[in-house]
Amino acid sequence: MGRSRNRTPAAPVQVKLVVESIDLEGNGVGHVDGKVHFVDGAITGETVVAEVTRSKPSYARAITRQVLSESALRVKPKCPHFGTCGGCAVQHIEPDAQVAIKNRALEDLLERIGRQKPEQMMRPMVGPFWGYRHRARLTVRFVEKKGGMLVGFHEKGSSYVATMTECHVLPKRISDLLVPIGRMLETLSIYTRIPQLELAVGHEVTALVLRHLEPLSDGDLNTLRVFGQAHGIDWWLQPEGPASAYRLEADVPRELAYHIPSFGVQMRFRPTDFTQVNHWINDSMVSRAVSLLDLKPEDRVLDLFCGLGNFSLPLATRSRFVKGFEGSQDLVDRAGANAVLNGLQDKTEFHVRNLFEVESPEWESWGQFDKVLIDPPRDGALEICKAIVGAKPAYQPRRIVYVSCNPATLARDVAVLCCAGPYVLKQAGVINMFPHTSHVESIAVFERKADWVPIGAPAEQGAATELRAE
């Protein structure tokens, strides 16, 4: 007989360590025998016993199994699904401490990658810690052994859907509907062919976009209508990509929109458009960005990655003219329509452009602008920053406000503007757009040096150009 190949699984490896810091993903960081360990669920200063889940030559990942010495910052998570659901990462940390950790992480990245220390770190922008999430993509999956249809976020580090009966970062009425929505979806004829729901909460309308891989029957459509009327849901159907989404009740007059109260602006949008998830923080963020640009009534402003006009229209209420660029024709069309809705069409102009391939000559062809607002996706705005640095001084704006959803790419772009270019990092700070997650939103302010001369340029030529720019 041959030797059996069945082996007894190795016992989990556990280690004891002191947590030295927290990384950008919300993991505690410590060392065991000189090897760095990233520990889920651990807080700076704690001594924990952790189970290693992955070991590499230079690092290991682990999960906290026992807290031997507890931090004063540790709190009981509000959500019973925390630890399994991947929607939140740091509910076990006191909310104000979460913000402080993010602020310190931003400072570290700016110094380490950007090689800059802001002249001032701004007070973090904070808002409601619960019920703030007005945009979400929820996975839908029928799992018989888990009791039927699941509606929620993925489990942490997994493609499985978390079994969720509530979610405290969603508005309460949406949290309360998670189970009823799942039960209703189970009754549809194509219940196994529904992969996701997209949530979009507006000022007066709550929309749910149903992604379906097969056509819905007349009975299915009627079920959705009845549910929508009973719970105040505006159903949209998405048979293919985001552009295919359409309203189930096409004759309903209510428009999906959010407000920016500080500027009296209303923004209409489709539920598949990109919009900020946190309406309260969005109003505060836009207000701070406009204030930091130090606008004058005669200023011409450039808004890059302008989307549907979230910054452009408030900027237009405080300046002479705003030109916006965005990579999506649909969003540019929406921005133009929102300008008309708010009576700002004569002070704004929107164009489609791939902003990841702009160079200095094209930058100069757009004209001279006093101030620039940049709000890129996670990839950042490297080519834009290079184009600004490489442009003639007359085409380099006096002030730039950069809103970032990725502090690492912000820090990289800071190095371009400040180390290779003529800018000083005046201020920076975090925006707590996503409480209880590891996501770090931030804002930075750059000011052009008055006496900067490009490398290799004669001093007198640079000075003359500077005078002409003024």
Protein backbone atom coordinates (compact mmCIF):
# COMPACT_ATOMS: atom_id res chain seq x y z
CA MET A 1 0.00 0.00 0.00
CA GLY A 2 1.23 3.52 -0.79
CA ARG A 3 1.81 6.09 1.89
CA SER A 4 -1.24 8.29 2.54
CA ARG A 5 -0.97 11.82 1.19
CA ASN A 6 -3.46 13.23 3.68
CA ARG A 7 -1.78 15.62 6.07
CA THR A 8 -3.03 17.14 9.27
CA PRO A 9 -3.40 20.91 8.78
CA ALA A 10 -0.66 22.87 10.52
CA ALA A 11 -1.73 24.59 13.71
CA PRO A 12 -2.19 28.35 13.33
CA VAL A 13 0.92 30.32 14.22
CA GLN A 14 0.34 32.88 16.97
CA VAL A 15 2.68 35.67 17.98
CA LYS A 16 2.81 38.20 20.79
CA LEU A 17 3.79 41.74 19.88
CA VAL A 18 3.59 45.39 20.86
CA VAL A 19 1.79 47.59 18.30
CA GLU A 20 4.02 50.51 17.32
CA SER A 21 1.81 52.36 14.84
CA ILE A 22 -1.20 52.06 12.51
CA ASP A 23 -0.91 51.94 8.71
CA LEU A 24 -3.17 53.51 6.08
CA GLU A 25 -5.33 50.38 5.96
CA GLY A 26 -6.08 50.61 9.68
CA ASN A 27 -3.80 47.71 10.62
CA GLY A 28 -1.59 47.78 13.69
CA VAL A 29 2.12 47.57 12.87
CA GLY A 30 4.64 45.76 15.07
CA HIS A 31 7.74 43.58 14.85
CA VAL A 32 8.51 39.99 15.84
CA ASP A 33 12.18 38.99 15.62
CA GLY A 34 12.80 42.00 13.40
CA LYS A 35 10.05 41.10 10.92
CA VAL A 36 7.21 43.59 10.42
CA HIS A 37 3.71 42.32 11.15
CA PHE A 38 0.50 44.05 9.99
CA VAL A 39 -2.20 43.14 12.49
CA ASP A 40 -5.90 43.58 11.77
CA GLY A 41 -7.82 44.90 14.80
CA ALA A 42 -4.84 46.17 16.81
CA ILE A 43 -4.20 49.75 18.02
CA THR A 44 -1.00 51.66 18.70
CA GLY A 45 0.37 50.95 22.18
CA GLU A 46 -1.47 47.68 22.68
CA THR A 47 0.14 44.32 23.40
CA VAL A 48 -1.73 41.63 21.48
CA VAL A 49 -1.68 37.98 20.61
CA ALA A 50 -2.20 37.72 16.86
CA GLU A 51 -2.73 34.79 14.50
CA VAL A 52 -0.58 34.92 11.37
CA THR A 53 -2.70 34.57 8.22
CA ARG A 54 0.04 35.18 5.66
CA SER A 55 3.81 35.09 5.98
CA LYS A 56 6.29 36.45 3.45
CA PRO A 57 10.08 36.83 3.76
CA SER A 58 9.84 40.56 4.56
CA TYR A 59 6.47 40.85 6.31
CA ALA A 60 3.50 38.99 7.76
CA ARG A 61 -0.21 39.65 8.08
CA ALA A 62 -2.16 38.67 11.16
CA ILE A 63 -5.47 39.00 12.99
CA THR A 64 -5.81 40.05 16.63
CA ARG A 65 -6.95 37.12 18.76
CA GLN A 66 -6.40 38.54 22.25
CA VAL A 67 -5.68 42.03 23.58
CA LEU A 68 -3.35 41.72 26.58
CA SER A 69 -2.92 45.45 27.15
CA GLU A 70 -5.78 47.58 25.84
CA SER A 71 -5.50 51.10 24.42
CA ALA A 72 -7.68 53.87 25.87
CA LEU A 73 -8.69 54.54 22.27
CA ARG A 74 -10.40 51.17 21.88
CA VAL A 75 -14.22 51.23 21.82
CA LYS A 76 -16.92 48.65 21.28
CA PRO A 77 -17.92 48.60 17.57
CA LYS A 78 -21.48 49.80 17.01
CA CYS A 79 -22.18 47.34 14.20
CA PRO A 80 -22.61 43.64 15.02
CA HIS A 81 -21.13 42.77 11.61
CA PHE A 82 -17.85 44.63 12.18
CA GLY A 83 -14.88 42.33 11.73
CA THR A 84 -16.67 40.23 9.11
CA CYS A 85 -18.06 42.93 6.82
CA GLY A 86 -15.39 44.73 4.79
CA GLY A 87 -17.30 48.01 4.67
CA CYS A 88 -15.57 49.42 7.78
CA ALA A 89 -12.01 48.94 9.02
CA VAL A 90 -11.63 50.93 12.24
CA GLN A 91 -14.91 50.95 14.17
CA HIS A 92 -12.91 49.61 17.15
CA ILE A 93 -11.07 52.95 17.39
CA GLU A 94 -12.65 56.03 19.00
CA PRO A 95 -13.91 58.26 16.12
CA ASP A 96 -11.86 61.37 16.92
CA ALA A 97 -8.77 59.18 17.21
CA GLN A 98 -9.50 57.75 13.74
CA VAL A 99 -9.26 61.28 12.36
CA ALA A 100 -6.03 62.00 14.23
CA ILE A 101 -4.48 58.81 12.85
CA LYS A 102 -5.42 59.81 9.31
CA ASN A 103 -4.00 63.29 9.84
CA ARG A 104 -0.70 61.87 11.04
CA ALA A 105 -0.58 59.45 8.11
CA LEU A 106 -1.02 62.37 5.70
CA GLU A 107 1.82 64.30 7.38
CA ASP A 108 4.11 61.27 7.17
CA LEU A 109 3.43 60.70 3.47
CA LEU A 110 3.95 64.36 2.58
CA GLU A 111 7.35 64.30 4.29
CA ARG A 112 8.45 60.84 3.13
CA ILE A 113 7.25 60.89 -0.49
CA GLY A 114 6.63 64.58 -1.16
CA ARG A 115 9.70 65.72 0.80
CA GLN A 116 7.63 68.65 2.05
CA LYS A 117 6.30 69.81 5.38
CA PRO A 118 3.22 72.06 5.08
CA GLU A 119 3.62 75.50 6.58
CA GLN A 120 0.36 74.73 8.40
CA MET A 121 -1.61 71.55 9.03
CA MET A 122 -5.27 72.51 8.90
CA ARG A 123 -7.80 71.34 11.47
CA PRO A 124 -9.40 68.13 10.12
CA MET A 125 -12.84 68.45 8.56
CA VAL A 126 -15.32 66.21 10.36
CA GLY A 127 -19.05 65.61 10.17
CA PRO A 128 -21.51 62.91 11.25
CA PHE A 129 -19.81 59.61 12.07
CA TRP A 130 -22.93 57.50 11.35
CA GLY A 131 -25.60 57.44 8.66
CA TYR A 132 -23.44 59.54 6.33
CA ARG A 133 -23.10 57.26 3.32
CA HIS A 134 -25.45 58.43 0.58
CA ARG A 135 -23.73 56.46 -2.18
CA ALA A 136 -22.95 52.73 -2.04
CA ARG A 137 -22.59 49.72 -4.29
CA LEU A 138 -24.16 46.70 -2.61
CA THR A 139 -23.52 43.17 -3.80
CA VAL A 140 -26.52 40.88 -4.23
CA ARG A 141 -26.24 37.10 -4.08
CA PHE A 142 -28.60 34.20 -3.38
CA VAL A 143 -26.93 31.81 -0.92
CA GLU A 144 -29.34 29.13 0.19
CA LYS A 145 -27.19 27.84 3.06
CA LYS A 146 -27.06 31.36 4.50
CA GLY A 147 -30.82 31.78 4.43
CA GLY A 148 -31.50 33.19 0.99
CA MET A 149 -30.75 36.51 -0.68
CA LEU A 150 -27.87 38.54 0.76
CA VAL A 151 -27.62 42.28 0.18
CA GLY A 152 -24.55 44.08 1.48
CA PHE A 153 -20.81 44.67 1.27
CA HIS A 154 -18.19 41.99 0.72
CA GLU A 155 -16.69 40.21 3.66
CA LYS A 156 -13.27 41.55 4.66
CA GLY A 157 -10.61 40.31 2.23
CA SER A 158 -13.10 38.08 0.41
CA SER A 159 -15.42 37.90 -2.58
CA TYR A 160 -18.18 36.50 -0.36
CA VAL A 161 -21.09 38.74 0.58
CA ALA A 162 -21.38 39.55 4.27
CA THR A 163 -24.62 38.50 5.93
CA MET A 164 -25.95 41.92 6.93
CA THR A 165 -29.15 42.82 8.74
CA GLU A 166 -28.11 46.42 9.41
CA CYS A 167 -25.46 48.96 8.41
CA HIS A 168 -24.85 52.04 10.55
CA VAL A 169 -22.88 54.04 7.97
CA LEU A 170 -25.91 53.99 5.63
CA PRO A 171 -28.91 56.25 6.32
CA LYS A 172 -31.08 54.45 8.89
CA ARG A 173 -34.07 53.97 6.62
CA ILE A 174 -31.82 52.26 4.04
CA SER A 175 -30.22 50.11 6.74
CA ASP A 176 -33.70 49.08 7.87
CA LEU A 177 -34.53 48.02 4.29
CA LEU A 178 -31.58 45.66 3.73
CA VAL A 179 -33.50 42.55 4.80
CA PRO A 180 -36.84 43.56 3.17
CA ILE A 181 -35.04 44.30 -0.12
CA GLY A 182 -33.42 40.87 -0.04
CA ARG A 183 -36.75 39.14 0.61
CA MET A 184 -38.39 41.07 -2.22
CA LEU A 185 -35.57 40.28 -4.68
CA GLU A 186 -35.96 36.57 -3.89
CA THR A 187 -39.46 36.69 -5.38
CA LEU A 188 -38.25 37.90 -8.79
CA SER A 189 -38.12 35.38 -11.63
CA ILE A 190 -34.42 36.13 -12.26
CA TYR A 191 -33.34 36.29 -8.59
CA THR A 192 -30.12 34.38 -9.34
CA ARG A 193 -29.16 36.84 -12.10
CA ILE A 194 -28.98 40.02 -10.04
CA PRO A 195 -25.36 40.85 -9.07
CA GLN A 196 -25.64 44.29 -7.46
CA LEU A 197 -27.63 47.30 -6.33
CA GLU A 198 -26.35 50.86 -6.57
CA LEU A 199 -27.66 53.28 -3.93
CA ALA A 200 -27.93 57.02 -4.56
CA VAL A 201 -29.63 59.24 -1.99
CA GLY A 202 -30.62 62.71 -3.13
CA HIS A 203 -32.16 65.66 -1.32
CA GLU A 204 -35.71 64.41 -1.92
CA VAL A 205 -35.30 61.16 -3.90
CA THR A 206 -33.69 57.83 -2.99
CA ALA A 207 -32.73 55.76 -6.01
CA LEU A 208 -31.75 52.10 -6.27
CA VAL A 209 -30.21 50.86 -9.52
CA LEU A 210 -30.91 47.17 -10.11
CA ARG A 211 -28.22 45.49 -12.22
CA HIS A 212 -29.84 42.52 -13.96
CA LEU A 213 -28.22 40.03 -16.34
CA GLU A 214 -31.50 38.82 -17.88
CA PRO A 215 -34.72 40.63 -18.79
CA LEU A 216 -37.26 41.22 -16.03
CA SER A 217 -40.79 39.89 -16.47
CA ASP A 218 -43.89 42.06 -16.25
CA GLY A 219 -44.54 40.49 -12.85
CA ASP A 220 -41.01 41.42 -11.72
CA LEU A 221 -41.53 45.04 -12.80
CA ASN A 222 -44.81 45.21 -10.91
CA THR A 223 -43.13 43.79 -7.77
CA LEU A 224 -40.49 46.53 -7.95
CA ARG A 225 -43.14 49.22 -8.45
CA VAL A 226 -45.17 48.08 -5.44
CA PHE A 227 -42.05 47.91 -3.24
CA GLY A 228 -40.88 51.32 -4.45
CA GLN A 229 -44.23 52.95 -3.69
CA ALA A 230 -44.38 51.36 -0.23
CA HIS A 231 -40.83 52.40 0.78
CA GLY A 232 -40.17 55.59 -1.19
CA ILE A 233 -37.66 54.00 -3.60
CA ASP A 234 -37.12 55.31 -7.13
CA TRP A 235 -36.11 52.21 -9.11
CA TRP A 236 -33.65 52.34 -12.00
CA LEU A 237 -32.85 49.31 -14.16
CA GLN A 238 -29.39 48.59 -15.56
CA PRO A 239 -29.29 45.77 -18.14
CA GLU A 240 -25.68 46.44 -19.23
CA GLY A 241 -23.05 49.09 -18.37
CA PRO A 242 -23.72 52.21 -16.24
CA ALA A 243 -24.81 54.23 -19.30
CA SER A 244 -27.66 51.74 -19.93
CA ALA A 245 -29.43 52.59 -16.64
CA TYR A 246 -32.93 53.99 -17.04
CA ARG A 247 -35.77 54.91 -14.73
CA LEU A 248 -38.49 52.32 -14.19
CA GLU A 249 -41.16 55.01 -13.80
CA ALA A 250 -40.13 57.35 -16.62
CA ASP A 251 -43.06 59.73 -16.07
CA VAL A 252 -42.25 60.47 -12.38
CA PRO A 253 -41.42 64.21 -12.24
CA ARG A 254 -39.06 64.14 -9.24
CA GLU A 255 -35.39 64.70 -10.07
CA LEU A 256 -32.48 63.06 -8.26
CA ALA A 257 -30.40 65.95 -6.90
CA TYR A 258 -28.27 67.08 -3.96
CA HIS A 259 -27.71 70.57 -2.60
CA ILE A 260 -24.62 72.57 -1.71
CA PRO A 261 -26.32 74.86 0.83
CA SER A 262 -23.40 77.24 1.41
CA PHE A 263 -23.68 78.42 -2.19
CA GLY A 264 -27.39 77.91 -2.86
CA VAL A 265 -26.53 75.43 -5.62
CA GLN A 266 -28.55 72.39 -6.66
CA MET A 267 -26.84 69.52 -8.52
CA ARG A 268 -28.88 67.08 -10.56
CA PHE A 269 -27.31 63.70 -11.29
CA ARG A 270 -27.96 60.18 -12.48
CA PRO A 271 -27.62 57.45 -9.85
CA THR A 272 -24.67 55.91 -11.72
CA ASP A 273 -22.76 59.23 -11.86
CA PHE A 274 -19.83 59.81 -9.55
CA THR A 275 -20.86 62.05 -6.65
CA GLN A 276 -19.43 62.44 -3.14
CA VAL A 277 -20.89 59.96 -0.67
CA ASN A 278 -21.15 62.36 2.26
CA HIS A 279 -23.38 65.38 1.58
CA TRP A 280 -22.59 67.21 4.82
CA ILE A 281 -18.84 66.91 4.33
CA ASN A 282 -19.17 67.77 0.64
CA ASP A 283 -20.71 71.15 1.49
CA SER A 284 -17.94 71.85 4.01
CA MET A 285 -15.22 70.64 1.62
CA VAL A 286 -16.43 72.83 -1.23
CA SER A 287 -16.67 75.81 1.13
CA ARG A 288 -13.13 75.29 2.37
CA ALA A 289 -11.73 74.82 -1.14
CA VAL A 290 -13.34 78.03 -2.36
CA SER A 291 -12.06 79.89 0.70
CA LEU A 292 -8.53 78.52 0.30
CA LEU A 293 -8.36 79.67 -3.31
CA ASP A 294 -8.77 83.21 -1.99
CA LEU A 295 -10.93 84.18 -4.96
CA LYS A 296 -11.35 87.70 -6.25
CA PRO A 297 -14.37 88.73 -8.37
CA GLU A 298 -12.06 89.21 -11.38
CA ASP A 299 -10.37 85.78 -11.12
CA ARG A 300 -10.43 83.20 -13.90
CA VAL A 301 -10.46 79.68 -12.45
CA LEU A 302 -9.65 76.28 -13.93
CA ASP A 303 -11.46 73.23 -12.47
CA LEU A 304 -9.78 69.95 -13.42
CA PHE A 305 -11.59 66.60 -13.11
CA CYS A 306 -14.70 68.77 -12.69
CA GLY A 307 -17.27 65.95 -12.84
CA LEU A 308 -20.81 67.31 -12.97
CA GLY A 309 -19.72 70.70 -11.60
CA ASN A 310 -19.48 69.99 -7.86
CA PHE A 311 -16.74 72.61 -7.41
CA SER A 312 -17.21 74.54 -10.67
CA LEU A 313 -20.58 76.06 -9.90
CA PRO A 314 -19.75 77.23 -6.35
CA LEU A 315 -16.49 78.66 -7.75
CA ALA A 316 -18.48 80.51 -10.40
CA THR A 317 -20.54 82.28 -7.72
CA ARG A 318 -17.32 83.88 -6.39
CA SER A 319 -15.28 84.55 -9.55
CA ARG A 320 -15.48 85.97 -13.05
CA PHE A 321 -15.21 82.75 -15.05
CA VAL A 322 -14.67 78.99 -14.53
CA LYS A 323 -13.49 76.53 -17.16
CA GLY A 324 -13.93 72.85 -16.32
CA PHE A 325 -12.31 69.76 -17.85
CA GLU A 326 -13.49 66.18 -17.34
CA GLY A 327 -12.86 62.88 -19.12
CA SER A 328 -16.52 61.83 -19.41
CA GLN A 329 -18.84 63.39 -21.99
CA ASP A 330 -21.87 62.41 -19.90
CA LEU A 331 -20.54 64.29 -16.87
CA VAL A 332 -19.60 67.30 -18.96
CA ASP A 333 -23.15 67.38 -20.33
CA ARG A 334 -24.50 67.15 -16.78
CA ALA A 335 -22.20 69.98 -15.65
CA GLY A 336 -23.49 72.20 -18.44
CA ALA A 337 -27.09 71.39 -17.57
CA ASN A 338 -26.45 72.11 -13.89
CA ALA A 339 -24.91 75.46 -14.82
CA VAL A 340 -28.12 76.36 -16.68
CA LEU A 341 -30.25 75.09 -13.76
CA ASN A 342 -28.39 77.44 -11.40
CA GLY A 343 -28.21 80.42 -13.80
CA LEU A 344 -24.41 80.18 -14.12
CA GLN A 345 -24.13 79.24 -17.80
CA ASP A 346 -22.60 82.61 -18.74
CA LYS A 347 -19.80 82.21 -16.19
CA THR A 348 -18.84 78.60 -16.94
CA GLU A 349 -17.55 76.45 -19.77
CA PHE A 350 -17.00 72.68 -19.78
CA HIS A 351 -14.86 70.47 -22.03
CA VAL A 352 -14.06 66.77 -22.44
CA ARG A 353 -10.37 65.91 -22.10
CA ASN A 354 -8.27 62.98 -20.93
CA LEU A 355 -6.33 64.78 -18.21
CA PHE A 356 -3.83 61.94 -17.84
CA GLU A 357 -2.04 62.88 -21.05
CA VAL A 358 -1.86 66.69 -20.99
CA GLU A 359 1.52 68.32 -21.68
CA SER A 360 2.76 71.88 -21.18
CA PRO A 361 2.02 73.24 -24.72
CA GLU A 362 -1.61 72.17 -24.46
CA TRP A 363 -1.80 73.54 -20.93
CA GLU A 364 -0.69 76.94 -22.23
CA SER A 365 -3.22 76.74 -25.07
CA TRP A 366 -6.05 76.76 -22.51
CA GLY A 367 -5.17 80.33 -21.56
CA GLN A 368 -4.06 82.08 -18.39
CA PHE A 369 -5.85 81.30 -15.13
CA ASP A 370 -5.35 82.92 -11.76
CA LYS A 371 -6.39 79.92 -9.65
CA VAL A 372 -6.72 76.15 -10.25
CA LEU A 373 -8.78 73.50 -8.46
CA ILE A 374 -7.69 69.87 -8.97
CA ASP A 375 -9.86 66.96 -7.77
CA PRO A 376 -8.50 63.79 -9.43
CA PRO A 377 -9.36 60.11 -8.93
CA ARG A 378 -7.05 57.82 -6.95
CA ASP A 379 -4.37 57.87 -9.68
CA GLY A 380 -3.73 61.52 -8.91
CA ALA A 381 -2.78 64.31 -11.33
CA LEU A 382 0.85 63.64 -12.21
CA GLU A 383 0.70 64.74 -15.85
CA ILE A 384 -1.20 67.90 -14.94
CA CYS A 385 1.42 68.78 -12.32
CA LYS A 386 4.22 68.15 -14.83
CA ALA A 387 2.43 70.32 -17.39
CA ILE A 388 2.11 73.19 -14.89
CA VAL A 389 5.78 72.96 -13.88
CA GLY A 390 6.91 72.83 -17.51
CA ALA A 391 4.76 75.78 -18.60
CA LYS A 392 5.99 79.35 -19.01
CA PRO A 393 5.66 81.34 -15.75
CA ALA A 394 2.83 83.42 -17.21
CA TYR A 395 0.75 80.20 -17.43
CA GLN A 396 1.50 78.97 -13.92
CA PRO A 397 -1.42 79.84 -11.60
CA ARG A 398 -0.71 81.83 -8.46
CA ARG A 399 -2.61 79.39 -6.27
CA ILE A 400 -3.66 75.74 -6.54
CA VAL A 401 -6.03 73.81 -4.31
CA TYR A 402 -5.69 70.04 -4.70
CA VAL A 403 -8.42 67.75 -3.28
CA SER A 404 -7.21 64.16 -3.05
CA CYS A 405 -8.76 60.75 -2.35
CA ASN A 406 -5.34 59.08 -2.18
CA PRO A 407 -2.66 60.65 0.04
CA ALA A 408 0.13 58.62 -1.60
CA THR A 409 -0.48 60.07 -5.08
CA LEU A 410 -1.03 63.51 -3.56
CA ALA A 411 2.40 63.27 -1.90
CA ARG A 412 3.96 62.21 -5.21
CA ASP A 413 2.40 65.20 -6.97
CA VAL A 414 3.49 67.52 -4.14
CA ALA A 415 7.10 66.57 -4.96
CA VAL A 416 6.58 67.59 -8.59
CA LEU A 417 5.00 70.96 -7.77
CA CYS A 418 7.36 71.88 -4.93
CA CYS A 419 10.68 70.14 -5.64
CA ALA A 420 10.73 70.44 -9.44
CA GLY A 421 8.41 73.44 -9.69
CA PRO A 422 7.78 76.91 -8.30
CA TYR A 423 5.29 76.11 -5.55
CA VAL A 424 5.25 76.17 -1.77
CA LEU A 425 2.98 73.79 0.16
CA LYS A 426 1.16 76.30 2.33
CA GLN A 427 -1.45 74.12 4.01
CA ALA A 428 -2.73 70.54 4.11
CA GLY A 429 -5.28 68.58 6.10
CA VAL A 430 -7.61 65.61 6.11
CA ILE A 431 -11.30 65.49 5.24
CA ASN A 432 -13.13 62.72 7.08
CA MET A 433 -15.35 61.81 4.14
CA PHE A 434 -15.54 58.10 5.11
CA PRO A 435 -15.65 57.65 8.91
CA HIS A 436 -14.81 54.17 10.25
CA THR A 437 -12.94 53.25 7.05
CA SER A 438 -9.25 53.52 6.23
CA HIS A 439 -10.01 55.87 3.34
CA VAL A 440 -8.15 59.19 3.63
CA GLU A 441 -9.52 62.23 1.79
CA SER A 442 -7.34 65.33 2.01
CA ILE A 443 -6.84 68.86 0.73
CA ALA A 444 -3.65 70.82 0.02
CA VAL A 445 -2.91 74.44 -0.91
CA PHE A 446 0.01 75.54 -3.11
CA GLU A 447 1.24 79.07 -3.72
CA ARG A 448 3.65 80.12 -6.45
CA LYS A 449 6.98 81.60 -5.35
CA ALA A 450 7.35 85.17 -6.56
CA ASP A 451 11.10 84.84 -7.19
CA TRP A 452 11.24 81.39 -8.80
CA VAL A 453 13.35 80.96 -11.95
CA PRO A 454 13.21 77.73 -14.01
CA ILE A 455 16.36 75.61 -13.86
CA GLY A 456 18.65 76.58 -16.71
CA ALA A 457 16.87 79.88 -17.41
CA PRO A 458 18.83 83.17 -17.22
CA ALA A 459 17.84 84.99 -14.03
CA GLU A 460 17.00 88.20 -15.82
CA GLN A 461 14.84 86.36 -18.37
CA GLY A 462 12.96 84.61 -15.58
CA ALA A 463 12.40 87.88 -13.74
CA ALA A 464 11.16 89.60 -16.88
CA THR A 465 8.75 86.79 -17.57
CA GLU A 466 7.50 87.00 -14.00
CA LEU A 467 6.77 90.71 -14.42
CA ARG A 468 4.83 90.06 -17.61
CA ALA A 469 2.84 87.34 -15.81
CA GLU A 470 1.70 89.84 -13.22
